[in-house]
Amino acid sequence: MLKTLRKHGVTLAVFAALTTALTAVVNEMTKSTIAQQSALQQKQLFDQVLAPDTYDNDPQQSCFIVTAPQLGAGEHRVYMARKGKQLTGVVLEATAPDGYSGAIQLLVGANFSGTIQGARVTGHHETPGLGDKIELRISDWITRFSGQRINSASDPNWAVKKDGGQFDQFTGATITPRAVINAIKRAGLYAQTLPAQAGTLTACGGRNL
């Protein structure tokens, strides 16, 4: 009996070792493919918020870590776009902390003179059928920000119509669009400060701009 148990134990141990080794090999073989697909999806998203003809570098390779209250709590990534040696725009990660059901994650494209190039929601927990209209797959509401200029921090146009602004609110859900509008506005205003920070931004890889 004891000899049989030992035999089964050794068999299980060998099987576990082989399974672990196989998993490691498969993971190593697919790692580069997964990374490539992730980069491609990110590039497609970037092209939705920043017109490709406005830059000739690879913004994904010009990534910087910032800590800015305007973008939300914690660290956020910003991706700088250039044409030649001239900075032409930026893609920013931003957080709207005051969504109806919690924080809303955004990607915002902007130039440095106050114009939003585009915005997309990348994560949220808003109510299906109400607040989820911020998603492009649900409605085109988020596309209304493309080409919109922010004239100042107190620009009255940057609000839902219920508050005297230019953007539609959702029936039965005003908190969600209000949070998104304010977050995009703050990101756009922060974008205007970035050229002056050249040389001080820390890249995602640890070097300076």
Protein backbone atom coordinates (compact mmCIF):
# COMPACT_ATOMS: atom_id res chain seq x y z
CA MET A 1 0.00 0.00 0.00
CA LEU A 2 2.75 2.41 1.02
CA LYS A 3 4.77 1.52 -2.08
CA THR A 4 1.71 2.22 -4.27
CA LEU A 5 1.14 5.60 -2.62
CA ARG A 6 4.80 6.52 -3.16
CA LYS A 7 4.54 5.53 -6.81
CA HIS A 8 1.44 7.68 -7.31
CA GLY A 9 3.11 10.56 -5.47
CA VAL A 10 6.15 10.44 -7.74
CA THR A 11 3.89 10.27 -10.81
CA LEU A 12 1.94 13.31 -9.66
CA ALA A 13 5.13 15.23 -8.91
CA VAL A 14 6.55 14.47 -12.35
CA PHE A 15 3.25 15.44 -13.99
CA ALA A 16 3.15 18.72 -12.04
CA ALA A 17 6.73 19.52 -13.03
CA LEU A 18 6.05 18.80 -16.69
CA THR A 19 2.85 20.89 -16.62
CA THR A 20 4.68 23.82 -15.01
CA ALA A 21 7.50 23.59 -17.56
CA LEU A 22 5.02 23.45 -20.45
CA THR A 23 3.12 26.46 -19.11
CA ALA A 24 6.38 28.41 -18.83
CA VAL A 25 7.36 27.52 -22.40
CA VAL A 26 3.93 28.50 -23.79
CA ASN A 27 4.01 31.75 -21.82
CA GLU A 28 7.46 32.60 -23.18
CA MET A 29 6.40 31.76 -26.74
CA THR A 30 3.26 33.92 -26.62
CA LYS A 31 4.66 36.84 -24.59
CA SER A 32 5.90 38.80 -27.60
CA THR A 33 2.67 38.18 -29.54
CA ILE A 34 0.56 39.41 -26.62
CA ALA A 35 2.77 42.50 -26.26
CA GLN A 36 2.48 43.24 -29.99
CA GLN A 37 -1.32 42.93 -29.89
CA SER A 38 -1.51 45.17 -26.83
CA ALA A 39 0.65 47.81 -28.54
CA LEU A 40 -1.48 47.60 -31.69
CA GLN A 41 -4.70 48.08 -29.71
CA GLN A 42 -3.15 51.05 -27.91
CA LYS A 43 -2.07 52.58 -31.23
CA GLN A 44 -5.60 52.20 -32.61
CA LEU A 45 -6.96 53.95 -29.54
CA PHE A 46 -4.38 56.73 -29.84
CA ASP A 47 -5.44 57.30 -33.45
CA GLN A 48 -9.00 57.89 -32.23
CA VAL A 49 -7.97 60.73 -29.91
CA LEU A 50 -5.07 62.29 -31.83
CA ALA A 51 -5.05 62.64 -35.62
CA PRO A 52 -2.15 60.58 -37.05
CA ASP A 53 -1.25 63.32 -39.53
CA THR A 54 -0.38 65.68 -36.68
CA TYR A 55 2.75 63.76 -35.70
CA ASP A 56 5.52 61.64 -37.21
CA ASN A 57 7.04 60.05 -34.11
CA ASP A 58 5.74 57.06 -32.14
CA PRO A 59 3.96 58.48 -29.07
CA GLN A 60 3.98 55.03 -27.48
CA GLN A 61 7.77 55.34 -27.31
CA SER A 62 7.55 58.85 -25.87
CA CYS A 63 5.80 57.97 -22.62
CA PHE A 64 6.20 59.98 -19.42
CA ILE A 65 4.95 59.51 -15.87
CA VAL A 66 3.32 62.52 -14.21
CA THR A 67 1.67 63.17 -10.90
CA ALA A 68 -0.88 65.92 -11.51
CA PRO A 69 -4.08 66.54 -9.54
CA GLN A 70 -5.71 67.72 -12.78
CA LEU A 71 -5.51 64.16 -14.11
CA GLY A 72 -6.71 62.51 -10.92
CA ALA A 73 -5.04 60.87 -7.94
CA GLY A 74 -1.82 58.93 -8.36
CA GLU A 75 0.48 58.62 -11.34
CA HIS A 76 -0.69 58.93 -14.94
CA ARG A 77 1.03 58.38 -18.26
CA VAL A 78 1.25 61.03 -20.94
CA TYR A 79 2.41 60.31 -24.47
CA MET A 80 4.04 63.16 -26.37
CA ALA A 81 3.49 63.61 -30.12
CA ARG A 82 6.01 65.41 -32.32
CA LYS A 83 6.36 66.45 -35.92
CA GLY A 84 10.05 66.76 -36.58
CA LYS A 85 11.42 68.31 -33.40
CA GLN A 86 8.23 70.24 -32.65
CA LEU A 87 5.86 69.04 -29.94
CA THR A 88 2.41 68.96 -31.53
CA GLY A 89 0.14 67.18 -29.09
CA VAL A 90 -0.26 64.75 -26.25
CA VAL A 91 -2.33 61.76 -25.25
CA LEU A 92 -3.08 61.75 -21.55
CA GLU A 93 -4.45 59.16 -19.17
CA ALA A 94 -6.99 60.85 -16.89
CA THR A 95 -9.41 59.85 -14.15
CA ALA A 96 -12.82 61.31 -13.38
CA PRO A 97 -13.09 60.44 -9.67
CA ASP A 98 -16.70 61.52 -9.32
CA GLY A 99 -18.64 59.21 -11.61
CA TYR A 100 -22.01 57.98 -10.35
CA SER A 101 -20.59 54.51 -9.61
CA GLY A 102 -16.97 55.39 -9.01
CA ALA A 103 -13.93 56.48 -10.97
CA ILE A 104 -14.05 56.70 -14.76
CA GLN A 105 -10.82 56.12 -16.69
CA LEU A 106 -10.19 58.20 -19.81
CA LEU A 107 -7.74 58.72 -22.63
CA VAL A 108 -7.63 62.32 -23.84
CA GLY A 109 -5.85 63.72 -26.89
CA ALA A 110 -5.10 67.44 -26.96
CA ASN A 111 -2.85 70.05 -28.47
CA PHE A 112 -1.07 72.67 -26.38
CA SER A 113 -3.34 75.60 -27.17
CA GLY A 114 -6.54 74.43 -25.51
CA THR A 115 -8.18 72.23 -28.14
CA ILE A 116 -9.26 68.68 -27.41
CA GLN A 117 -8.52 66.35 -30.32
CA GLY A 118 -10.52 63.43 -28.97
CA ALA A 119 -11.44 61.44 -25.89
CA ARG A 120 -12.35 57.85 -25.08
CA VAL A 121 -13.49 56.08 -21.94
CA THR A 122 -11.22 53.13 -21.14
CA GLY A 123 -12.84 51.93 -17.91
CA HIS A 124 -15.90 52.59 -15.74
CA HIS A 125 -18.60 51.07 -13.55
CA GLU A 126 -21.51 53.27 -14.58
CA THR A 127 -25.08 51.97 -14.71
CA PRO A 128 -25.93 49.98 -17.87
CA GLY A 129 -28.58 51.74 -19.94
CA LEU A 130 -27.90 55.09 -18.25
CA GLY A 131 -24.33 56.17 -17.52
CA ASP A 132 -22.73 53.71 -19.91
CA LYS A 133 -23.59 56.02 -22.81
CA ILE A 134 -20.10 57.44 -22.27
CA GLU A 135 -18.82 54.34 -24.10
CA LEU A 136 -18.37 54.66 -27.85
CA ARG A 137 -19.91 51.22 -28.43
CA ILE A 138 -23.12 52.44 -26.75
CA SER A 139 -23.42 55.96 -28.20
CA ASP A 140 -21.39 58.62 -30.02
CA TRP A 141 -21.66 61.11 -27.14
CA ILE A 142 -17.93 60.93 -26.37
CA THR A 143 -17.08 62.03 -29.93
CA ARG A 144 -18.61 65.49 -29.29
CA PHE A 145 -15.38 66.62 -27.63
CA SER A 146 -13.27 66.40 -30.79
CA GLY A 147 -12.20 69.87 -31.89
CA GLN A 148 -13.68 71.60 -28.84
CA ARG A 149 -11.59 74.45 -27.43
CA ILE A 150 -11.19 75.28 -23.75
CA ASN A 151 -10.95 79.04 -23.40
CA SER A 152 -10.27 79.14 -19.67
CA ALA A 153 -10.72 77.19 -16.46
CA SER A 154 -14.06 78.93 -16.02
CA ASP A 155 -15.26 78.41 -19.61
CA PRO A 156 -19.07 78.10 -19.21
CA ASN A 157 -19.39 76.00 -22.37
CA TRP A 158 -17.66 73.09 -20.64
CA ALA A 159 -20.71 71.82 -18.80
CA VAL A 160 -23.87 69.85 -19.49
CA LYS A 161 -26.77 71.82 -20.94
CA LYS A 162 -28.58 71.51 -17.64
CA ASP A 163 -25.77 73.58 -16.10
CA GLY A 164 -25.72 76.10 -18.97
CA GLY A 165 -23.05 74.37 -21.04
CA GLN A 166 -22.97 72.93 -24.55
CA PHE A 167 -22.88 69.17 -23.91
CA ASP A 168 -25.88 66.88 -23.67
CA GLN A 169 -26.64 65.12 -20.44
CA PHE A 170 -28.27 61.68 -20.34
CA THR A 171 -31.89 61.18 -19.39
CA GLY A 172 -31.85 60.11 -15.77
CA ALA A 173 -28.07 60.35 -15.51
CA THR A 174 -26.46 63.77 -15.26
CA ILE A 175 -23.70 62.92 -12.80
CA THR A 176 -21.81 60.68 -15.23
CA PRO A 177 -21.49 63.10 -18.19
CA ARG A 178 -20.76 65.96 -15.82
CA ALA A 179 -17.85 64.00 -14.34
CA VAL A 180 -16.47 63.12 -17.78
CA ILE A 181 -16.76 66.69 -19.09
CA ASN A 182 -14.92 68.09 -16.08
CA ALA A 183 -12.17 65.46 -16.33
CA ILE A 184 -11.59 66.12 -20.04
CA LYS A 185 -11.54 69.85 -19.41
CA ARG A 186 -8.97 69.48 -16.62
CA ALA A 187 -6.83 67.24 -18.85
CA GLY A 188 -6.96 69.78 -21.67
CA LEU A 189 -5.92 72.58 -19.35
CA TYR A 190 -3.08 70.48 -17.98
CA ALA A 191 -1.90 69.70 -21.51
CA GLN A 192 -1.23 73.40 -22.04
CA THR A 193 1.34 73.35 -19.23
CA LEU A 194 3.39 70.46 -20.61
CA PRO A 195 5.70 72.29 -23.07
CA ALA A 196 6.96 74.42 -20.19
CA GLN A 197 7.82 71.24 -18.29
CA ALA A 198 10.14 69.96 -21.02
CA GLY A 199 13.32 68.64 -19.46
CA THR A 200 11.67 67.84 -16.15
CA LEU A 201 9.27 65.05 -17.10
CA THR A 202 10.39 61.55 -16.18
CA ALA A 203 9.93 58.98 -18.92
CA CYS A 204 8.29 55.65 -18.28
CA GLY A 205 11.74 54.12 -18.68
CA GLY A 206 13.27 56.53 -16.18
CA ARG A 207 14.96 59.14 -18.40
CA ASN A 208 13.97 62.78 -18.82
CA LEU A 209 12.25 64.45 -21.78
